[in-house]
Amino acid sequence: MSKQVLFSQAYTYFLRYQSDRPAIKSFVVYILVLETISAVITILIIYQPLVVDFGRESVLTELPVGLVAEPAVVVLIATPTHFFVAKRIQGLQRSIWIPLLICIVSVISFTGGIWASVATGRFGRYSDRYPVDMYAPAMLWMVSAAIADSLIAATLSWSLYTRRTGFRSTDAVIGRIILCQIRYIAPTEWLANLDKFTM
């Protein structure tokens, strides 16, 4: 379902914004390609143990091959997206500091994701007890990505909040968007972060 939405949005983008800069068009194609690769990897993560290795005891001990590539593909999507949004935030705020912080945290997340892929490939087996060097890259990757996402959400919410128009209907919509962020998105993000610390 999400891939259908992604492709329909990309199709609409290419129809409506034909005169957009080539760099932006290339970025959209890049995201489409990597999201497709990510979907294939996710399918492989499920397909390998349930179909290819069905009935073998190795399913219980060996990690699916796709699991090794998953962190790397995720950060190859997330890092440029964080940079893109940081550039937009810089244009909104006319300041470099928050976007710079988002980019730094995103680079840390990228490093953790690549490191997690390498560590997963090196270890390659399920275990009751993973060595500490398996947790460190995953925590670096996920926590720094969560910080970057939180910074983006907070900055964009604050940007909306400070740009009241004076028109009741528009201000009401802005208020509902911010309230939705506080009620639904923020608690989900906090619980996801709590899950990372308790794993």
C-alpha atoms as a PDB file:
ATOM      1  CA  MET A   1       0.000   0.000   0.000  1.00  0.00           C
ATOM      2  CA  SER A   2       2.709   2.514   0.954  1.00  0.00           C
ATOM      3  CA  LYS A   3       4.579   1.768  -2.293  1.00  0.00           C
ATOM      4  CA  GLN A   4       1.423   2.564  -4.263  1.00  0.00           C
ATOM      5  CA  VAL A   5       1.190   5.920  -2.487  1.00  0.00           C
ATOM      6  CA  LEU A   6       4.895   6.563  -3.088  1.00  0.00           C
ATOM      7  CA  PHE A   7       4.665   5.811  -6.795  1.00  0.00           C
ATOM      8  CA  SER A   8       1.449   7.787  -7.247  1.00  0.00           C
ATOM      9  CA  GLN A   9       3.019  10.792  -5.500  1.00  0.00           C
ATOM     10  CA  ALA A  10       6.120  10.494  -7.676  1.00  0.00           C
ATOM     11  CA  TYR A  11       3.951  10.244 -10.799  1.00  0.00           C
ATOM     12  CA  THR A  12       1.991  13.327  -9.742  1.00  0.00           C
ATOM     13  CA  TYR A  13       5.247  15.167  -8.988  1.00  0.00           C
ATOM     14  CA  PHE A  14       6.698  14.433 -12.425  1.00  0.00           C
ATOM     15  CA  LEU A  15       3.448  15.522 -14.111  1.00  0.00           C
ATOM     16  CA  ARG A  16       2.993  18.757 -12.176  1.00  0.00           C
ATOM     17  CA  TYR A  17       6.567  19.960 -11.751  1.00  0.00           C
ATOM     18  CA  GLN A  18       8.152  19.242 -15.112  1.00  0.00           C
ATOM     19  CA  SER A  19      10.216  22.430 -14.942  1.00  0.00           C
ATOM     20  CA  ASP A  20      11.653  21.621 -11.507  1.00  0.00           C
ATOM     21  CA  ARG A  21      15.423  21.547 -11.074  1.00  0.00           C
ATOM     22  CA  PRO A  22      17.152  18.361 -12.295  1.00  0.00           C
ATOM     23  CA  ALA A  23      18.721  17.859  -8.852  1.00  0.00           C
ATOM     24  CA  ILE A  24      15.282  17.610  -7.218  1.00  0.00           C
ATOM     25  CA  LYS A  25      14.040  15.241  -9.934  1.00  0.00           C
ATOM     26  CA  SER A  26      17.144  13.086  -9.473  1.00  0.00           C
ATOM     27  CA  PHE A  27      16.530  13.012  -5.726  1.00  0.00           C
ATOM     28  CA  VAL A  28      12.957  11.783  -6.283  1.00  0.00           C
ATOM     29  CA  VAL A  29      14.214   9.038  -8.622  1.00  0.00           C
ATOM     30  CA  TYR A  30      16.925   8.102  -6.095  1.00  0.00           C
ATOM     31  CA  ILE A  31      14.315   7.730  -3.320  1.00  0.00           C
ATOM     32  CA  LEU A  32      12.037   5.696  -5.611  1.00  0.00           C
ATOM     33  CA  VAL A  33      14.843   3.306  -6.543  1.00  0.00           C
ATOM     34  CA  LEU A  34      16.048   2.836  -2.959  1.00  0.00           C
ATOM     35  CA  GLU A  35      12.524   2.412  -1.592  1.00  0.00           C
ATOM     36  CA  THR A  36      11.981  -0.305  -4.207  1.00  0.00           C
ATOM     37  CA  ILE A  37      15.244  -1.987  -3.192  1.00  0.00           C
ATOM     38  CA  SER A  38      14.169  -1.733   0.449  1.00  0.00           C
ATOM     39  CA  ALA A  39      10.849  -3.422  -0.365  1.00  0.00           C
ATOM     40  CA  VAL A  40      12.659  -6.247  -2.182  1.00  0.00           C
ATOM     41  CA  ILE A  41      15.018  -6.708   0.777  1.00  0.00           C
ATOM     42  CA  THR A  42      12.064  -6.828   3.182  1.00  0.00           C
ATOM     43  CA  ILE A  43      10.406  -9.478   1.027  1.00  0.00           C
ATOM     44  CA  LEU A  44      13.668 -11.465   0.965  1.00  0.00           C
ATOM     45  CA  ILE A  45      13.953 -11.265   4.757  1.00  0.00           C
ATOM     46  CA  ILE A  46      10.590 -13.011   4.973  1.00  0.00           C
ATOM     47  CA  TYR A  47      10.887 -15.229   1.878  1.00  0.00           C
ATOM     48  CA  GLN A  48      14.246 -16.823   2.683  1.00  0.00           C
ATOM     49  CA  PRO A  49      13.340 -18.436   6.027  1.00  0.00           C
ATOM     50  CA  LEU A  50       9.713 -19.235   5.148  1.00  0.00           C
ATOM     51  CA  VAL A  51      10.152 -20.569   1.602  1.00  0.00           C
ATOM     52  CA  VAL A  52      13.772 -21.155   0.585  1.00  0.00           C
ATOM     53  CA  ASP A  53      14.959 -22.608   3.897  1.00  0.00           C
ATOM     54  CA  PHE A  54      11.619 -24.082   4.973  1.00  0.00           C
ATOM     55  CA  GLY A  55      12.099 -27.127   7.170  1.00  0.00           C
ATOM     56  CA  ARG A  56      15.817 -26.599   7.728  1.00  0.00           C
ATOM     57  CA  GLU A  57      17.214 -26.086  11.185  1.00  0.00           C
ATOM     58  CA  SER A  58      19.472 -23.326   9.856  1.00  0.00           C
ATOM     59  CA  VAL A  59      16.408 -21.040   9.867  1.00  0.00           C
ATOM     60  CA  LEU A  60      16.612 -20.953  13.645  1.00  0.00           C
ATOM     61  CA  THR A  61      20.283 -20.023  13.776  1.00  0.00           C
ATOM     62  CA  GLU A  62      21.297 -18.131  10.616  1.00  0.00           C
ATOM     63  CA  LEU A  63      20.147 -14.616   9.786  1.00  0.00           C
ATOM     64  CA  PRO A  64      18.439 -14.018   6.436  1.00  0.00           C
ATOM     65  CA  VAL A  65      20.800 -12.452   3.891  1.00  0.00           C
ATOM     66  CA  GLY A  66      18.543  -9.427   3.441  1.00  0.00           C
ATOM     67  CA  LEU A  67      18.879  -8.535   7.096  1.00  0.00           C
ATOM     68  CA  VAL A  68      22.506  -7.630   6.503  1.00  0.00           C
ATOM     69  CA  ALA A  69      21.635  -5.032   3.860  1.00  0.00           C
ATOM     70  CA  GLU A  70      18.581  -3.541   5.575  1.00  0.00           C
ATOM     71  CA  PRO A  71      20.335  -1.014   7.899  1.00  0.00           C
ATOM     72  CA  ALA A  72      22.527   0.253   5.049  1.00  0.00           C
ATOM     73  CA  VAL A  73      19.579   0.748   2.702  1.00  0.00           C
ATOM     74  CA  VAL A  74      17.560   2.490   5.420  1.00  0.00           C
ATOM     75  CA  VAL A  75      20.323   5.034   6.087  1.00  0.00           C
ATOM     76  CA  LEU A  76      20.898   5.499   2.354  1.00  0.00           C
ATOM     77  CA  ILE A  77      17.272   6.668   2.227  1.00  0.00           C
ATOM     78  CA  ALA A  78      17.073   8.543   5.546  1.00  0.00           C
ATOM     79  CA  THR A  79      20.310  10.547   5.419  1.00  0.00           C
ATOM     80  CA  PRO A  80      19.682  12.356   2.110  1.00  0.00           C
ATOM     81  CA  THR A  81      16.071  12.910   3.194  1.00  0.00           C
ATOM     82  CA  HIS A  82      17.255  14.487   6.451  1.00  0.00           C
ATOM     83  CA  PHE A  83      19.647  16.689   4.474  1.00  0.00           C
ATOM     84  CA  PHE A  84      16.855  17.712   2.094  1.00  0.00           C
ATOM     85  CA  VAL A  85      14.505  18.646   4.934  1.00  0.00           C
ATOM     86  CA  ALA A  86      17.348  20.438   6.768  1.00  0.00           C
ATOM     87  CA  LYS A  87      17.909  22.567   3.665  1.00  0.00           C
ATOM     88  CA  ARG A  88      14.197  23.424   3.622  1.00  0.00           C
ATOM     89  CA  ILE A  89      14.299  24.302   7.323  1.00  0.00           C
ATOM     90  CA  GLN A  90      17.278  26.568   6.685  1.00  0.00           C
ATOM     91  CA  GLY A  91      15.196  28.419   4.105  1.00  0.00           C
ATOM     92  CA  LEU A  92      12.280  28.734   6.536  1.00  0.00           C
ATOM     93  CA  GLN A  93      14.296  29.881   9.537  1.00  0.00           C
ATOM     94  CA  ARG A  94      17.082  31.800   7.830  1.00  0.00           C
ATOM     95  CA  SER A  95      19.479  30.153  10.280  1.00  0.00           C
ATOM     96  CA  ILE A  96      22.084  27.451   9.846  1.00  0.00           C
ATOM     97  CA  TRP A  97      22.259  26.060  13.410  1.00  0.00           C
ATOM     98  CA  ILE A  98      19.272  23.689  13.620  1.00  0.00           C
ATOM     99  CA  PRO A  99      19.769  22.381  10.054  1.00  0.00           C
ATOM    100  CA  LEU A 100      23.471  21.873  10.798  1.00  0.00           C
ATOM    101  CA  LEU A 101      22.611  19.920  13.950  1.00  0.00           C
ATOM    102  CA  ILE A 102      20.126  17.787  11.963  1.00  0.00           C
ATOM    103  CA  CYS A 103      22.820  17.049   9.358  1.00  0.00           C
ATOM    104  CA  ILE A 104      25.441  16.155  11.985  1.00  0.00           C
ATOM    105  CA  VAL A 105      23.072  13.784  13.794  1.00  0.00           C
ATOM    106  CA  SER A 106      22.035  12.303  10.441  1.00  0.00           C
ATOM    107  CA  VAL A 107      25.674  11.613   9.513  1.00  0.00           C
ATOM    108  CA  ILE A 108      26.078   9.880  12.884  1.00  0.00           C
ATOM    109  CA  SER A 109      22.990   7.800  12.058  1.00  0.00           C
ATOM    110  CA  PHE A 110      24.447   6.975   8.635  1.00  0.00           C
ATOM    111  CA  THR A 111      27.666   5.788  10.278  1.00  0.00           C
ATOM    112  CA  GLY A 112      25.714   3.641  12.731  1.00  0.00           C
ATOM    113  CA  GLY A 113      23.593   2.100   9.964  1.00  0.00           C
ATOM    114  CA  ILE A 114      26.583   1.142   7.839  1.00  0.00           C
ATOM    115  CA  TRP A 115      28.351  -0.161  10.942  1.00  0.00           C
ATOM    116  CA  ALA A 116      25.228  -2.185  11.865  1.00  0.00           C
ATOM    117  CA  SER A 117      25.180  -3.772   8.400  1.00  0.00           C
ATOM    118  CA  VAL A 118      28.846  -4.724   8.676  1.00  0.00           C
ATOM    119  CA  ALA A 119      28.415  -6.071  12.230  1.00  0.00           C
ATOM    120  CA  THR A 120      25.320  -8.064  11.248  1.00  0.00           C
ATOM    121  CA  GLY A 121      27.127  -9.551   8.260  1.00  0.00           C
ATOM    122  CA  ARG A 122      30.120 -10.430  10.384  1.00  0.00           C
ATOM    123  CA  PHE A 123      28.093 -12.055  13.163  1.00  0.00           C
ATOM    124  CA  GLY A 124      25.458 -13.625  10.888  1.00  0.00           C
ATOM    125  CA  ARG A 125      23.653 -15.817  13.416  1.00  0.00           C
ATOM    126  CA  TYR A 126      20.767 -15.587  15.848  1.00  0.00           C
ATOM    127  CA  SER A 127      21.828 -15.870  19.447  1.00  0.00           C
ATOM    128  CA  ASP A 128      20.389 -15.591  22.928  1.00  0.00           C
ATOM    129  CA  ARG A 129      23.270 -13.283  23.728  1.00  0.00           C
ATOM    130  CA  TYR A 130      24.646 -10.938  21.133  1.00  0.00           C
ATOM    131  CA  PRO A 131      28.049  -9.430  21.757  1.00  0.00           C
ATOM    132  CA  VAL A 132      28.149  -5.782  22.755  1.00  0.00           C
ATOM    133  CA  ASP A 133      29.596  -4.846  19.363  1.00  0.00           C
ATOM    134  CA  MET A 134      26.227  -5.838  17.843  1.00  0.00           C
ATOM    135  CA  TYR A 135      24.259  -3.435  20.059  1.00  0.00           C
ATOM    136  CA  ALA A 136      26.509  -0.391  19.755  1.00  0.00           C
ATOM    137  CA  PRO A 137      26.042   0.210  16.016  1.00  0.00           C
ATOM    138  CA  ALA A 138      22.300  -0.442  16.166  1.00  0.00           C
ATOM    139  CA  MET A 139      21.874   1.949  19.087  1.00  0.00           C
ATOM    140  CA  LEU A 140      24.024   4.597  17.409  1.00  0.00           C
ATOM    141  CA  TRP A 141      21.998   4.258  14.215  1.00  0.00           C
ATOM    142  CA  MET A 142      18.513   4.210  15.739  1.00  0.00           C
ATOM    143  CA  VAL A 143      18.976   6.752  18.514  1.00  0.00           C
ATOM    144  CA  SER A 144      20.663   9.333  16.280  1.00  0.00           C
ATOM    145  CA  ALA A 145      17.976   8.815  13.600  1.00  0.00           C
ATOM    146  CA  ALA A 146      15.299   9.349  16.262  1.00  0.00           C
ATOM    147  CA  ILE A 147      17.032  12.533  17.415  1.00  0.00           C
ATOM    148  CA  ALA A 148      17.197  13.840  13.830  1.00  0.00           C
ATOM    149  CA  ASP A 149      13.509  13.006  13.272  1.00  0.00           C
ATOM    150  CA  SER A 150      12.546  14.660  16.565  1.00  0.00           C
ATOM    151  CA  LEU A 151      14.525  17.793  15.697  1.00  0.00           C
ATOM    152  CA  ILE A 152      12.811  17.965  12.305  1.00  0.00           C
ATOM    153  CA  ALA A 153       9.333  17.471  13.788  1.00  0.00           C
ATOM    154  CA  ALA A 154       9.885  20.017  16.579  1.00  0.00           C
ATOM    155  CA  THR A 155      11.411  22.599  14.242  1.00  0.00           C
ATOM    156  CA  LEU A 156       8.648  22.300  11.659  1.00  0.00           C
ATOM    157  CA  SER A 157       5.967  22.439  14.376  1.00  0.00           C
ATOM    158  CA  TRP A 158       7.573  25.534  15.882  1.00  0.00           C
ATOM    159  CA  SER A 159       7.856  27.074  12.432  1.00  0.00           C
ATOM    160  CA  LEU A 160       4.137  26.516  11.867  1.00  0.00           C
ATOM    161  CA  TYR A 161       3.298  27.856  15.306  1.00  0.00           C
ATOM    162  CA  THR A 162       5.218  31.111  14.806  1.00  0.00           C
ATOM    163  CA  ARG A 163       3.718  31.776  11.383  1.00  0.00           C
ATOM    164  CA  ARG A 164       0.152  32.580  12.359  1.00  0.00           C
ATOM    165  CA  THR A 165      -1.682  34.294   9.519  1.00  0.00           C
ATOM    166  CA  GLY A 166      -4.452  36.140  11.350  1.00  0.00           C
ATOM    167  CA  PHE A 167      -7.099  34.262   9.375  1.00  0.00           C
ATOM    168  CA  ARG A 168      -9.187  32.134  11.712  1.00  0.00           C
ATOM    169  CA  SER A 169      -9.653  29.166   9.379  1.00  0.00           C
ATOM    170  CA  THR A 170      -5.965  28.982   8.431  1.00  0.00           C
ATOM    171  CA  ASP A 171      -4.823  29.385  12.029  1.00  0.00           C
ATOM    172  CA  ALA A 172      -7.284  26.664  13.080  1.00  0.00           C
ATOM    173  CA  VAL A 173      -5.782  24.251  10.530  1.00  0.00           C
ATOM    174  CA  ILE A 174      -2.266  25.110  11.732  1.00  0.00           C
ATOM    175  CA  GLY A 175      -3.376  24.507  15.320  1.00  0.00           C
ATOM    176  CA  ARG A 176      -4.866  21.124  14.394  1.00  0.00           C
ATOM    177  CA  ILE A 177      -1.669  20.067  12.613  1.00  0.00           C
ATOM    178  CA  ILE A 178       0.420  20.978  15.674  1.00  0.00           C
ATOM    179  CA  LEU A 179      -2.084  19.281  18.000  1.00  0.00           C
ATOM    180  CA  CYS A 180      -1.965  16.133  15.840  1.00  0.00           C
ATOM    181  CA  GLN A 181       1.842  16.177  16.151  1.00  0.00           C
ATOM    182  CA  ILE A 182       1.628  16.441  19.925  1.00  0.00           C
ATOM    183  CA  ARG A 183      -1.200  13.922  20.409  1.00  0.00           C
ATOM    184  CA  TYR A 184      -0.327  11.163  17.974  1.00  0.00           C
ATOM    185  CA  ILE A 185       3.109  11.455  16.410  1.00  0.00           C
ATOM    186  CA  ALA A 186       5.169  12.492  19.434  1.00  0.00           C
ATOM    187  CA  PRO A 187       3.917   9.700  21.759  1.00  0.00           C
ATOM    188  CA  THR A 188       4.535   7.123  19.033  1.00  0.00           C
ATOM    189  CA  GLU A 189       8.054   8.452  18.599  1.00  0.00           C
ATOM    190  CA  TRP A 190       8.676   8.459  22.360  1.00  0.00           C
ATOM    191  CA  LEU A 191       7.470   4.868  22.701  1.00  0.00           C
ATOM    192  CA  ALA A 192       9.643   3.788  19.760  1.00  0.00           C
ATOM    193  CA  ASN A 193      12.637   5.429  21.424  1.00  0.00           C
ATOM    194  CA  LEU A 194      11.797   3.795  24.746  1.00  0.00           C
ATOM    195  CA  ASP A 195      11.722   0.451  22.922  1.00  0.00           C
ATOM    196  CA  LYS A 196      15.248   1.086  21.623  1.00  0.00           C
ATOM    197  CA  PHE A 197      16.571   1.658  25.123  1.00  0.00           C
ATOM    198  CA  THR A 198      14.877  -1.411  26.584  1.00  0.00           C
ATOM    199  CA  MET A 199      15.886  -3.917  23.896  1.00  0.00           C
END
